[in-house]
Amino acid sequence: MSENNKVKIRILYERASRRVIGAQLASYTDISMTIHMFSLAIMKEVTIEEIQLLDIFFLPHFNQPYNYITMVALSAKE
């Protein structure tokens, strides 16, 4: 992979508890393995704040400088 690729992510979470209840991902590059992280987050009742603090490995073609998952979680509204 020699170029940067855009990723579109939507994280669904409950407003009151901030618990993640769903996610949608789209990209021209195969990012299908990312959905497994969200499946685990839903199963373990992870909050949006916990995703914001995840230490996720660096992927230079997606991250600038944060991981694309962290960037979306950081944009979550109160």
Foldseek 3Di string as FASTA:
>chain_A
DPAAWEKDKDWDADPPLQFTQDMDIDTPDDPVVVVVVVVVSNVVRPGLVVQLPDDDDADPSYPPPDHPSNVNSVPDDD
